[in-house]
Amino acid sequence: MMTVQHLATTNTVLLTIQMPAALEDDMADLLQQAGQVSGFSILKGEGMGETVRLVSPLERVLGRCDQRIVLITGEQEPLKTLLSKLAMQLRNPEIRYWLTPVIESGSLA
């Protein structure tokens, strides 16, 4: 029989970071060293639109660039502290982020 384990609290948020693919290793290293997150996911993505910088000839032809999306769930204040640390160590205007509330999360154990 499956049980649902609810893990979210009222302060749980999802931190999403969008960045150029070239920064993936640097970001992963910083997140692993930060000690403020128990885990994170990095997804492959493509950026499109006026604010996206197309670097390679292939990107200019396709009209989109290779990006990475980092997903981290946790408590809001520690993640804001993490963002401040990341901004000091990996300052780059092409790295964008947003925090969204998590209504519910858990595992299907």
C-alpha atoms as a PDB file:
ATOM      1  CA  MET A   1       0.000   0.000   0.000  1.00  0.00           C
ATOM      2  CA  MET A   2       1.365   3.407  -0.959  1.00  0.00           C
ATOM      3  CA  THR A   3       1.520   6.199   1.589  1.00  0.00           C
ATOM      4  CA  VAL A   4       2.162   9.866   0.868  1.00  0.00           C
ATOM      5  CA  GLN A   5       4.715  11.658   3.020  1.00  0.00           C
ATOM      6  CA  HIS A   6       4.187  15.428   3.042  1.00  0.00           C
ATOM      7  CA  LEU A   7       7.385  17.427   3.423  1.00  0.00           C
ATOM      8  CA  ALA A   8       6.520  21.057   2.667  1.00  0.00           C
ATOM      9  CA  THR A   9       6.113  23.678   5.374  1.00  0.00           C
ATOM     10  CA  THR A  10       4.570  27.127   5.070  1.00  0.00           C
ATOM     11  CA  ASN A  11       8.017  28.627   4.295  1.00  0.00           C
ATOM     12  CA  THR A  12       8.992  26.087   1.636  1.00  0.00           C
ATOM     13  CA  VAL A  13       9.906  27.619  -1.714  1.00  0.00           C
ATOM     14  CA  LEU A  14      11.275  26.489  -5.040  1.00  0.00           C
ATOM     15  CA  LEU A  15      14.396  28.350  -6.138  1.00  0.00           C
ATOM     16  CA  THR A  16      14.807  28.248  -9.911  1.00  0.00           C
ATOM     17  CA  ILE A  17      18.067  29.465 -11.439  1.00  0.00           C
ATOM     18  CA  GLN A  18      18.423  29.924 -15.206  1.00  0.00           C
ATOM     19  CA  MET A  19      21.981  30.208 -16.547  1.00  0.00           C
ATOM     20  CA  PRO A  20      24.227  29.625 -19.562  1.00  0.00           C
ATOM     21  CA  ALA A  21      25.248  25.975 -19.954  1.00  0.00           C
ATOM     22  CA  ALA A  22      28.921  26.949 -19.690  1.00  0.00           C
ATOM     23  CA  LEU A  23      28.398  27.798 -15.992  1.00  0.00           C
ATOM     24  CA  GLU A  24      26.971  24.390 -15.026  1.00  0.00           C
ATOM     25  CA  ASP A  25      30.127  22.983 -13.413  1.00  0.00           C
ATOM     26  CA  ASP A  26      30.907  26.185 -11.491  1.00  0.00           C
ATOM     27  CA  MET A  27      27.338  26.369 -10.181  1.00  0.00           C
ATOM     28  CA  ALA A  28      27.284  22.689  -9.206  1.00  0.00           C
ATOM     29  CA  ASP A  29      30.572  23.072  -7.321  1.00  0.00           C
ATOM     30  CA  LEU A  30      29.342  26.148  -5.453  1.00  0.00           C
ATOM     31  CA  LEU A  31      26.044  24.511  -4.505  1.00  0.00           C
ATOM     32  CA  GLN A  32      27.791  21.380  -3.247  1.00  0.00           C
ATOM     33  CA  GLN A  33      30.201  23.460  -1.159  1.00  0.00           C
ATOM     34  CA  ALA A  34      27.534  25.816   0.204  1.00  0.00           C
ATOM     35  CA  GLY A  35      26.136  23.306   2.675  1.00  0.00           C
ATOM     36  CA  GLN A  36      22.747  25.062   2.685  1.00  0.00           C
ATOM     37  CA  VAL A  37      20.955  22.638   0.384  1.00  0.00           C
ATOM     38  CA  SER A  38      20.401  18.936   0.823  1.00  0.00           C
ATOM     39  CA  GLY A  39      20.152  18.404  -2.923  1.00  0.00           C
ATOM     40  CA  PHE A  40      19.357  20.032  -6.240  1.00  0.00           C
ATOM     41  CA  SER A  41      18.587  19.183  -9.852  1.00  0.00           C
ATOM     42  CA  ILE A  42      20.128  20.605 -13.010  1.00  0.00           C
ATOM     43  CA  LEU A  43      18.059  20.347 -16.181  1.00  0.00           C
ATOM     44  CA  LYS A  44      19.013  21.104 -19.775  1.00  0.00           C
ATOM     45  CA  GLY A  45      17.059  23.921 -21.358  1.00  0.00           C
ATOM     46  CA  GLU A  46      17.039  26.393 -24.198  1.00  0.00           C
ATOM     47  CA  GLY A  47      16.728  30.138 -23.850  1.00  0.00           C
ATOM     48  CA  MET A  48      14.835  32.227 -26.370  1.00  0.00           C
ATOM     49  CA  GLY A  49      13.812  35.858 -26.570  1.00  0.00           C
ATOM     50  CA  GLU A  50      15.223  39.358 -26.661  1.00  0.00           C
ATOM     51  CA  THR A  51      17.149  39.064 -23.384  1.00  0.00           C
ATOM     52  CA  VAL A  52      19.018  35.906 -24.414  1.00  0.00           C
ATOM     53  CA  ARG A  53      22.568  36.259 -25.721  1.00  0.00           C
ATOM     54  CA  LEU A  54      23.213  34.018 -28.729  1.00  0.00           C
ATOM     55  CA  VAL A  55      26.950  33.275 -28.879  1.00  0.00           C
ATOM     56  CA  SER A  56      27.704  30.489 -31.351  1.00  0.00           C
ATOM     57  CA  PRO A  57      26.796  30.507 -35.044  1.00  0.00           C
ATOM     58  CA  LEU A  58      24.463  27.549 -34.426  1.00  0.00           C
ATOM     59  CA  GLU A  59      22.653  29.464 -31.659  1.00  0.00           C
ATOM     60  CA  ARG A  60      22.212  32.456 -33.970  1.00  0.00           C
ATOM     61  CA  VAL A  61      20.768  30.225 -36.714  1.00  0.00           C
ATOM     62  CA  LEU A  62      18.437  28.387 -34.299  1.00  0.00           C
ATOM     63  CA  GLY A  63      17.482  31.557 -32.407  1.00  0.00           C
ATOM     64  CA  ARG A  64      18.025  29.932 -29.005  1.00  0.00           C
ATOM     65  CA  CYS A  65      20.889  29.191 -26.663  1.00  0.00           C
ATOM     66  CA  ASP A  66      21.907  26.231 -24.537  1.00  0.00           C
ATOM     67  CA  GLN A  67      21.024  26.841 -20.881  1.00  0.00           C
ATOM     68  CA  ARG A  68      20.767  25.029 -17.589  1.00  0.00           C
ATOM     69  CA  ILE A  69      17.935  25.240 -15.074  1.00  0.00           C
ATOM     70  CA  VAL A  70      18.729  24.569 -11.413  1.00  0.00           C
ATOM     71  CA  LEU A  71      15.878  23.543  -9.093  1.00  0.00           C
ATOM     72  CA  ILE A  72      16.218  23.642  -5.298  1.00  0.00           C
ATOM     73  CA  THR A  73      13.469  23.325  -2.695  1.00  0.00           C
ATOM     74  CA  GLY A  74      13.965  24.533   0.830  1.00  0.00           C
ATOM     75  CA  GLU A  75      13.125  27.143   3.400  1.00  0.00           C
ATOM     76  CA  GLN A  76      12.941  30.705   2.060  1.00  0.00           C
ATOM     77  CA  GLU A  77      15.481  32.484   4.279  1.00  0.00           C
ATOM     78  CA  PRO A  78      18.343  29.970   3.850  1.00  0.00           C
ATOM     79  CA  LEU A  79      17.794  30.022   0.085  1.00  0.00           C
ATOM     80  CA  LYS A  80      17.931  33.836   0.065  1.00  0.00           C
ATOM     81  CA  THR A  81      21.228  33.603   1.947  1.00  0.00           C
ATOM     82  CA  LEU A  82      22.445  31.102  -0.638  1.00  0.00           C
ATOM     83  CA  LEU A  83      21.493  33.508  -3.440  1.00  0.00           C
ATOM     84  CA  SER A  84      23.573  36.247  -1.803  1.00  0.00           C
ATOM     85  CA  LYS A  85      26.587  33.920  -1.645  1.00  0.00           C
ATOM     86  CA  LEU A  86      26.126  32.855  -5.250  1.00  0.00           C
ATOM     87  CA  ALA A  87      25.886  36.498  -6.358  1.00  0.00           C
ATOM     88  CA  MET A  88      29.221  37.246  -4.693  1.00  0.00           C
ATOM     89  CA  GLN A  89      31.006  34.209  -6.127  1.00  0.00           C
ATOM     90  CA  LEU A  90      29.393  33.877  -9.547  1.00  0.00           C
ATOM     91  CA  ARG A  91      28.297  37.388 -10.491  1.00  0.00           C
ATOM     92  CA  ASN A  92      26.838  37.279 -13.992  1.00  0.00           C
ATOM     93  CA  PRO A  93      23.890  39.191 -15.507  1.00  0.00           C
ATOM     94  CA  GLU A  94      22.973  36.095 -17.550  1.00  0.00           C
ATOM     95  CA  ILE A  95      22.147  34.171 -14.382  1.00  0.00           C
ATOM     96  CA  ARG A  96      18.510  34.759 -13.470  1.00  0.00           C
ATOM     97  CA  TYR A  97      16.514  33.360 -10.578  1.00  0.00           C
ATOM     98  CA  TRP A  98      13.058  33.310  -9.064  1.00  0.00           C
ATOM     99  CA  LEU A  99      11.495  31.987  -5.879  1.00  0.00           C
ATOM    100  CA  THR A 100       8.022  30.480  -5.926  1.00  0.00           C
ATOM    101  CA  PRO A 101       5.948  29.097  -3.040  1.00  0.00           C
ATOM    102  CA  VAL A 102       5.626  25.332  -2.774  1.00  0.00           C
ATOM    103  CA  ILE A 103       2.061  24.430  -1.874  1.00  0.00           C
ATOM    104  CA  GLU A 104       2.860  20.807  -1.236  1.00  0.00           C
ATOM    105  CA  SER A 105       5.733  18.400  -1.717  1.00  0.00           C
ATOM    106  CA  GLY A 106       6.577  14.960  -0.516  1.00  0.00           C
ATOM    107  CA  SER A 107       7.432  11.458  -1.600  1.00  0.00           C
ATOM    108  CA  LEU A 108       5.284   8.649  -2.842  1.00  0.00           C
ATOM    109  CA  ALA A 109       6.764   6.109  -0.444  1.00  0.00           C
END
